[in-house]
C-alpha cells in the first residue's frame, strides 16, 4: 500500500475536525463530510478516504475503553471506570468489557493507545523481569 502524502493527511485531519461535536465523532457530521466529498471529489479521493477512515477510527477508539477482566466485573465498576476516564480525557467514554482468564485477577483497560493495567499477570511479569 502506498504512503499517504502529507497534504492528503492534513486535509483528512481537517475533515475529521469537521466530523466532531464536543470532541466526539458525529455520525451526522461524517455523513455530511462524505456527501461533500462525493459532490466535490478531490484529485486523490481514494487516498483521502483511506486517511479519513483511519483518523475517524482513531477518534472513535479514544472514546471507547476496552476493559479486560479475569473474573466478573460489576456494572457500577464499569460505569466508574467510564466516568473516571471521561474526566481524564475530557470526553464521554463508553466501556466494552471482555473476559481474559490469562490476567488471573485484576483488570486491563485500553483506551486509544493508552493501557492501564492492574492484574496479577502483569505483576508476575514485572517480578520475573526484575529477577
C-alpha atoms as a PDB file:
ATOM      1  CA  UNK A   1       0.000   0.000   0.000  1.00  0.00           C
ATOM      2  CA  UNK A   2       1.340   3.436  -0.956  1.00  0.00           C
ATOM      3  CA  UNK A   3       2.181   6.004   1.696  1.00  0.00           C
ATOM      4  CA  UNK A   4      -0.336   8.797   2.030  1.00  0.00           C
ATOM      5  CA  UNK A   5       1.153  12.202   1.117  1.00  0.00           C
ATOM      6  CA  UNK A   6       1.365  14.836   3.867  1.00  0.00           C
ATOM      7  CA  UNK A   7      -1.095  17.180   2.102  1.00  0.00           C
ATOM      8  CA  UNK A   8      -3.743  14.467   1.970  1.00  0.00           C
ATOM      9  CA  UNK A   9      -3.161  13.555   5.634  1.00  0.00           C
ATOM     10  CA  UNK A  10      -3.512  17.234   6.585  1.00  0.00           C
ATOM     11  CA  UNK A  11      -6.725  17.514   4.557  1.00  0.00           C
ATOM     12  CA  UNK A  12      -8.078  14.328   6.191  1.00  0.00           C
ATOM     13  CA  UNK A  13      -7.309  15.819   9.627  1.00  0.00           C
ATOM     14  CA  UNK A  14      -9.356  18.888   8.698  1.00  0.00           C
ATOM     15  CA  UNK A  15     -12.220  16.618   7.631  1.00  0.00           C
ATOM     16  CA  UNK A  16     -12.036  14.816  10.971  1.00  0.00           C
ATOM     17  CA  UNK A  17     -12.247  18.143  12.819  1.00  0.00           C
ATOM     18  CA  UNK A  18     -15.417  18.884  10.846  1.00  0.00           C
ATOM     19  CA  UNK A  19     -16.763  15.477  11.917  1.00  0.00           C
ATOM     20  CA  UNK A  20     -16.528  16.141  15.665  1.00  0.00           C
ATOM     21  CA  UNK A  21     -19.139  17.541  18.019  1.00  0.00           C
ATOM     22  CA  UNK A  22     -17.897  18.247  21.545  1.00  0.00           C
ATOM     23  CA  UNK A  23     -14.822  16.113  20.886  1.00  0.00           C
ATOM     24  CA  UNK A  24     -16.808  13.071  19.715  1.00  0.00           C
ATOM     25  CA  UNK A  25     -17.370  11.698  16.221  1.00  0.00           C
ATOM     26  CA  UNK A  26     -20.834  12.643  14.984  1.00  0.00           C
ATOM     27  CA  UNK A  27     -22.456  10.244  12.514  1.00  0.00           C
ATOM     28  CA  UNK A  28     -24.424  13.160  11.105  1.00  0.00           C
ATOM     29  CA  UNK A  29     -21.259  15.206  10.529  1.00  0.00           C
ATOM     30  CA  UNK A  30     -19.453  12.226   8.980  1.00  0.00           C
ATOM     31  CA  UNK A  31     -22.367  11.801   6.562  1.00  0.00           C
ATOM     32  CA  UNK A  32     -22.108  15.482   5.674  1.00  0.00           C
ATOM     33  CA  UNK A  33     -18.363  15.230   5.048  1.00  0.00           C
ATOM     34  CA  UNK A  34     -18.831  12.154   2.845  1.00  0.00           C
ATOM     35  CA  UNK A  35     -21.653  13.840   0.900  1.00  0.00           C
ATOM     36  CA  UNK A  36     -19.423  16.863   0.329  1.00  0.00           C
ATOM     37  CA  UNK A  37     -16.581  14.651  -0.895  1.00  0.00           C
ATOM     38  CA  UNK A  38     -18.986  12.889  -3.237  1.00  0.00           C
ATOM     39  CA  UNK A  39     -20.184  16.210  -4.725  1.00  0.00           C
ATOM     40  CA  UNK A  40     -16.690  17.728  -4.964  1.00  0.00           C
ATOM     41  CA  UNK A  41     -14.193  14.859  -5.043  1.00  0.00           C
ATOM     42  CA  UNK A  42     -10.534  15.768  -4.510  1.00  0.00           C
ATOM     43  CA  UNK A  43      -7.968  14.539  -7.044  1.00  0.00           C
ATOM     44  CA  UNK A  44      -6.903  11.582  -4.906  1.00  0.00           C
ATOM     45  CA  UNK A  45     -10.298  10.619  -3.499  1.00  0.00           C
ATOM     46  CA  UNK A  46      -9.317   7.059  -2.628  1.00  0.00           C
ATOM     47  CA  UNK A  47      -6.269   8.132  -0.606  1.00  0.00           C
ATOM     48  CA  UNK A  48      -8.265  10.901   1.056  1.00  0.00           C
ATOM     49  CA  UNK A  49     -10.993   8.467   2.109  1.00  0.00           C
ATOM     50  CA  UNK A  50      -8.386   5.989   3.329  1.00  0.00           C
ATOM     51  CA  UNK A  51      -6.695   8.635   5.512  1.00  0.00           C
ATOM     52  CA  UNK A  52     -10.045   9.982   6.737  1.00  0.00           C
ATOM     53  CA  UNK A  53     -11.263   6.492   7.701  1.00  0.00           C
ATOM     54  CA  UNK A  54      -8.073   5.751   9.635  1.00  0.00           C
ATOM     55  CA  UNK A  55      -8.300   9.027  11.568  1.00  0.00           C
ATOM     56  CA  UNK A  56     -12.016   8.562  12.310  1.00  0.00           C
ATOM     57  CA  UNK A  57     -11.320   5.090  13.704  1.00  0.00           C
ATOM     58  CA  UNK A  58      -8.613   6.571  15.944  1.00  0.00           C
ATOM     59  CA  UNK A  59     -11.073   9.212  17.212  1.00  0.00           C
ATOM     60  CA  UNK A  60     -13.718   6.567  17.902  1.00  0.00           C
ATOM     61  CA  UNK A  61     -11.164   4.450  19.810  1.00  0.00           C
ATOM     62  CA  UNK A  62     -10.392   7.449  22.038  1.00  0.00           C
ATOM     63  CA  UNK A  63     -13.962   7.312  23.349  1.00  0.00           C
ATOM     64  CA  UNK A  64     -14.139   3.572  23.953  1.00  0.00           C
ATOM     65  CA  UNK A  65     -12.412   1.859  26.860  1.00  0.00           C
ATOM     66  CA  UNK A  66     -11.860  -1.864  26.372  1.00  0.00           C
ATOM     67  CA  UNK A  67     -11.890  -3.463  29.801  1.00  0.00           C
ATOM     68  CA  UNK A  68     -10.401  -6.952  30.046  1.00  0.00           C
ATOM     69  CA  UNK A  69     -11.017  -8.829  33.292  1.00  0.00           C
ATOM     70  CA  UNK A  70     -10.259 -12.237  34.721  1.00  0.00           C
ATOM     71  CA  UNK A  71     -13.454 -12.578  36.752  1.00  0.00           C
ATOM     72  CA  UNK A  72     -16.826 -10.879  36.784  1.00  0.00           C
ATOM     73  CA  UNK A  73     -16.954  -7.070  36.904  1.00  0.00           C
ATOM     74  CA  UNK A  74     -19.972  -5.250  38.298  1.00  0.00           C
ATOM     75  CA  UNK A  75     -21.804  -2.787  36.064  1.00  0.00           C
ATOM     76  CA  UNK A  76     -21.211   0.007  38.584  1.00  0.00           C
ATOM     77  CA  UNK A  77     -17.440  -0.652  38.416  1.00  0.00           C
ATOM     78  CA  UNK A  78     -17.553  -0.311  34.620  1.00  0.00           C
ATOM     79  CA  UNK A  79     -19.555   2.906  34.989  1.00  0.00           C
ATOM     80  CA  UNK A  80     -16.972   4.243  37.449  1.00  0.00           C
ATOM     81  CA  UNK A  81     -14.159   3.391  35.009  1.00  0.00           C
ATOM     82  CA  UNK A  82     -16.013   5.191  32.215  1.00  0.00           C
ATOM     83  CA  UNK A  83     -16.637   8.243  34.407  1.00  0.00           C
ATOM     84  CA  UNK A  84     -13.028   8.395  35.583  1.00  0.00           C
ATOM     85  CA  UNK A  85     -11.636   8.080  32.065  1.00  0.00           C
ATOM     86  CA  UNK A  86     -14.160  10.592  30.741  1.00  0.00           C
ATOM     87  CA  UNK A  87     -12.946  13.087  33.311  1.00  0.00           C
ATOM     88  CA  UNK A  88      -9.297  12.331  32.500  1.00  0.00           C
ATOM     89  CA  UNK A  89      -9.723  12.625  28.717  1.00  0.00           C
ATOM     90  CA  UNK A  90     -12.339  15.379  28.728  1.00  0.00           C
ATOM     91  CA  UNK A  91     -14.828  13.470  26.591  1.00  0.00           C
ATOM     92  CA  UNK A  92     -17.578  10.902  27.057  1.00  0.00           C
ATOM     93  CA  UNK A  93     -16.167   7.380  27.327  1.00  0.00           C
ATOM     94  CA  UNK A  94     -18.026   4.101  26.983  1.00  0.00           C
ATOM     95  CA  UNK A  95     -16.773   0.730  28.191  1.00  0.00           C
ATOM     96  CA  UNK A  96     -16.708  -2.597  26.420  1.00  0.00           C
ATOM     97  CA  UNK A  97     -15.821  -5.496  28.681  1.00  0.00           C
ATOM     98  CA  UNK A  98     -14.407  -8.884  27.810  1.00  0.00           C
ATOM     99  CA  UNK A  99     -13.185 -11.808  29.836  1.00  0.00           C
ATOM    100  CA  UNK A 100      -9.458 -12.623  29.761  1.00  0.00           C
ATOM    101  CA  UNK A 101      -8.601 -15.510  32.110  1.00  0.00           C
ATOM    102  CA  UNK A 102      -4.869 -15.018  31.367  1.00  0.00           C
ATOM    103  CA  UNK A 103      -4.915 -11.972  33.657  1.00  0.00           C
ATOM    104  CA  UNK A 104      -5.537 -14.328  36.649  1.00  0.00           C
ATOM    105  CA  UNK A 105      -7.116 -11.427  38.592  1.00  0.00           C
ATOM    106  CA  UNK A 106      -7.486  -7.697  38.057  1.00  0.00           C
ATOM    107  CA  UNK A 107      -8.106  -5.505  35.036  1.00  0.00           C
ATOM    108  CA  UNK A 108      -6.510  -4.196  31.858  1.00  0.00           C
ATOM    109  CA  UNK A 109      -8.083  -1.103  30.301  1.00  0.00           C
ATOM    110  CA  UNK A 110      -7.214   0.118  26.799  1.00  0.00           C
ATOM    111  CA  UNK A 111      -8.397   3.464  25.511  1.00  0.00           C
ATOM    112  CA  UNK A 112      -6.906   4.671  22.271  1.00  0.00           C
ATOM    113  CA  UNK A 113      -3.174   3.987  22.548  1.00  0.00           C
ATOM    114  CA  UNK A 114      -3.168   4.071  26.358  1.00  0.00           C
ATOM    115  CA  UNK A 115      -3.155   0.943  28.521  1.00  0.00           C
ATOM    116  CA  UNK A 116      -3.869   0.875  32.246  1.00  0.00           C
ATOM    117  CA  UNK A 117      -3.221  -2.439  33.928  1.00  0.00           C
ATOM    118  CA  UNK A 118      -3.643  -3.744  37.416  1.00  0.00           C
ATOM    119  CA  UNK A 119      -3.552  -7.502  37.084  1.00  0.00           C
ATOM    120  CA  UNK A 120      -1.770 -10.388  38.738  1.00  0.00           C
ATOM    121  CA  UNK A 121      -0.341 -11.383  35.342  1.00  0.00           C
ATOM    122  CA  UNK A 122       1.360  -8.000  34.882  1.00  0.00           C
ATOM    123  CA  UNK A 123       2.695  -8.047  38.451  1.00  0.00           C
ATOM    124  CA  UNK A 124       4.111 -11.546  37.953  1.00  0.00           C
ATOM    125  CA  UNK A 125       5.676 -10.426  34.676  1.00  0.00           C
ATOM    126  CA  UNK A 126       7.294  -7.450  36.401  1.00  0.00           C
ATOM    127  CA  UNK A 127       8.675  -9.712  39.155  1.00  0.00           C
ATOM    128  CA  UNK A 128      10.082 -12.168  36.644  1.00  0.00           C
ATOM    129  CA  UNK A 129      11.683  -9.359  34.617  1.00  0.00           C
ATOM    130  CA  UNK A 130      13.294  -7.961  37.793  1.00  0.00           C
ATOM    131  CA  UNK A 131      14.882 -11.326  38.647  1.00  0.00           C
END
